[in-house]
Amino acid sequence: MKKIIFSILTIATLGLAACGSDHQHDQGNAAPGEAKAHGSSKEYTSAYICPMHCEGSGSDQAGTCPACGMDYVAQAEHVKDGHNH
């Protein structure tokens, strides 16, 4: 019984820790119609970004992510309408 309770608590703790993030998702300070980056690294601030924000991705030109192969999307399109994940 103790193992089950310990397992449940461990899973719950890991789940809560995974929900914590240093990414900035607050869109409230952007003017209406203005896109705002939601992180501070290249994966979030480049003109074209990977939807998965893979490490080392992001470019000033359209292309594909070197890590996962997904097509880059324009930063403005990715964050419009209060994008949040």
C-alpha atoms as a PDB file:
ATOM      1  CA  MET A   1       0.000   0.000   0.000  1.00  0.00           C
ATOM      2  CA  LYS A   2       2.862   2.375   0.814  1.00  0.00           C
ATOM      3  CA  LYS A   3       4.380   1.730  -2.629  1.00  0.00           C
ATOM      4  CA  ILE A   4       1.126   2.697  -4.337  1.00  0.00           C
ATOM      5  CA  ILE A   5       0.794   5.916  -2.352  1.00  0.00           C
ATOM      6  CA  PHE A   6       4.462   6.754  -2.990  1.00  0.00           C
ATOM      7  CA  SER A   7       4.001   6.106  -6.727  1.00  0.00           C
ATOM      8  CA  ILE A   8       0.931   8.342  -6.899  1.00  0.00           C
ATOM      9  CA  LEU A   9       2.698  11.151  -5.047  1.00  0.00           C
ATOM     10  CA  THR A  10       5.766  10.823  -7.258  1.00  0.00           C
ATOM     11  CA  ILE A  11       3.705  10.980 -10.441  1.00  0.00           C
ATOM     12  CA  ALA A  12       1.736  13.960  -9.156  1.00  0.00           C
ATOM     13  CA  THR A  13       4.937  15.798  -8.190  1.00  0.00           C
ATOM     14  CA  LEU A  14       6.533  15.160 -11.577  1.00  0.00           C
ATOM     15  CA  GLY A  15       3.364  16.271 -13.329  1.00  0.00           C
ATOM     16  CA  LEU A  16       3.280  19.539 -11.424  1.00  0.00           C
ATOM     17  CA  ALA A  17       6.973  20.145 -12.052  1.00  0.00           C
ATOM     18  CA  ALA A  18       6.481  19.578 -15.787  1.00  0.00           C
ATOM     19  CA  CYS A  19       3.754  22.206 -15.840  1.00  0.00           C
ATOM     20  CA  GLY A  20       6.131  24.840 -14.478  1.00  0.00           C
ATOM     21  CA  SER A  21       7.900  26.806 -17.206  1.00  0.00           C
ATOM     22  CA  ASP A  22      10.256  29.711 -17.691  1.00  0.00           C
ATOM     23  CA  HIS A  23       8.575  30.616 -20.974  1.00  0.00           C
ATOM     24  CA  GLN A  24       6.726  33.892 -21.135  1.00  0.00           C
ATOM     25  CA  HIS A  25       3.210  33.212 -22.399  1.00  0.00           C
ATOM     26  CA  ASP A  26       1.549  36.422 -21.283  1.00  0.00           C
ATOM     27  CA  GLN A  27      -0.045  38.063 -24.297  1.00  0.00           C
ATOM     28  CA  GLY A  28      -1.877  40.638 -22.201  1.00  0.00           C
ATOM     29  CA  ASN A  29       0.727  43.386 -22.688  1.00  0.00           C
ATOM     30  CA  ALA A  30       0.647  43.269 -26.501  1.00  0.00           C
ATOM     31  CA  ALA A  31      -1.453  45.859 -28.287  1.00  0.00           C
ATOM     32  CA  PRO A  32      -4.465  44.475 -30.180  1.00  0.00           C
ATOM     33  CA  GLY A  33      -3.254  42.893 -33.413  1.00  0.00           C
ATOM     34  CA  GLU A  34       0.382  43.032 -32.280  1.00  0.00           C
ATOM     35  CA  ALA A  35       2.211  39.725 -31.962  1.00  0.00           C
ATOM     36  CA  LYS A  36       4.445  39.290 -28.944  1.00  0.00           C
ATOM     37  CA  ALA A  37       7.117  36.607 -28.556  1.00  0.00           C
ATOM     38  CA  HIS A  38       6.436  34.220 -25.683  1.00  0.00           C
ATOM     39  CA  GLY A  39       9.984  33.225 -24.797  1.00  0.00           C
ATOM     40  CA  SER A  40      13.410  34.812 -24.778  1.00  0.00           C
ATOM     41  CA  SER A  41      15.599  32.420 -26.784  1.00  0.00           C
ATOM     42  CA  LYS A  42      16.069  32.095 -30.547  1.00  0.00           C
ATOM     43  CA  GLU A  43      13.473  29.293 -30.636  1.00  0.00           C
ATOM     44  CA  TYR A  44      10.845  31.865 -29.634  1.00  0.00           C
ATOM     45  CA  THR A  45      12.054  35.195 -31.008  1.00  0.00           C
ATOM     46  CA  SER A  46      13.155  34.479 -34.593  1.00  0.00           C
ATOM     47  CA  ALA A  47      11.060  35.703 -37.517  1.00  0.00           C
ATOM     48  CA  TYR A  48      10.331  32.052 -38.399  1.00  0.00           C
ATOM     49  CA  ILE A  49      10.070  29.459 -35.642  1.00  0.00           C
ATOM     50  CA  CYS A  50       9.410  25.768 -35.207  1.00  0.00           C
ATOM     51  CA  PRO A  51       5.945  25.167 -33.706  1.00  0.00           C
ATOM     52  CA  MET A  52       7.633  22.727 -31.292  1.00  0.00           C
ATOM     53  CA  HIS A  53      10.310  25.297 -30.258  1.00  0.00           C
ATOM     54  CA  CYS A  54      13.091  22.735 -30.760  1.00  0.00           C
ATOM     55  CA  GLU A  55      16.462  23.737 -29.337  1.00  0.00           C
ATOM     56  CA  GLY A  56      18.591  25.433 -31.976  1.00  0.00           C
ATOM     57  CA  SER A  57      15.656  26.137 -34.278  1.00  0.00           C
ATOM     58  CA  GLY A  58      14.498  29.518 -35.538  1.00  0.00           C
ATOM     59  CA  SER A  59      15.561  31.580 -38.521  1.00  0.00           C
ATOM     60  CA  ASP A  60      15.111  34.914 -40.234  1.00  0.00           C
ATOM     61  CA  GLN A  61      13.965  33.004 -43.347  1.00  0.00           C
ATOM     62  CA  ALA A  62      11.298  30.376 -43.984  1.00  0.00           C
ATOM     63  CA  GLY A  63      12.548  26.784 -43.923  1.00  0.00           C
ATOM     64  CA  THR A  64      12.411  23.640 -41.837  1.00  0.00           C
ATOM     65  CA  CYS A  65      13.492  22.853 -38.300  1.00  0.00           C
ATOM     66  CA  PRO A  66      16.883  21.103 -38.222  1.00  0.00           C
ATOM     67  CA  ALA A  67      15.843  19.088 -35.163  1.00  0.00           C
ATOM     68  CA  CYS A  68      12.379  17.760 -36.053  1.00  0.00           C
ATOM     69  CA  GLY A  69      11.934  18.615 -39.743  1.00  0.00           C
ATOM     70  CA  MET A  70       8.702  20.577 -39.284  1.00  0.00           C
ATOM     71  CA  ASP A  71       8.132  23.628 -41.468  1.00  0.00           C
ATOM     72  CA  TYR A  72       8.871  26.927 -39.772  1.00  0.00           C
ATOM     73  CA  VAL A  73       5.908  29.230 -39.197  1.00  0.00           C
ATOM     74  CA  ALA A  74       6.000  33.007 -39.117  1.00  0.00           C
ATOM     75  CA  GLN A  75       6.410  34.311 -35.559  1.00  0.00           C
ATOM     76  CA  ALA A  76       3.459  36.689 -35.965  1.00  0.00           C
ATOM     77  CA  GLU A  77       1.160  33.859 -37.051  1.00  0.00           C
ATOM     78  CA  HIS A  78       2.351  31.589 -34.240  1.00  0.00           C
ATOM     79  CA  VAL A  79       1.634  34.001 -31.402  1.00  0.00           C
ATOM     80  CA  LYS A  80      -1.463  35.812 -32.676  1.00  0.00           C
ATOM     81  CA  ASP A  81      -4.767  35.280 -30.917  1.00  0.00           C
ATOM     82  CA  GLY A  82      -3.117  34.673 -27.548  1.00  0.00           C
ATOM     83  CA  HIS A  83      -1.123  31.559 -28.449  1.00  0.00           C
ATOM     84  CA  ASN A  84      -0.510  29.589 -25.307  1.00  0.00           C
ATOM     85  CA  HIS A  85       0.657  26.044 -24.690  1.00  0.00           C
END
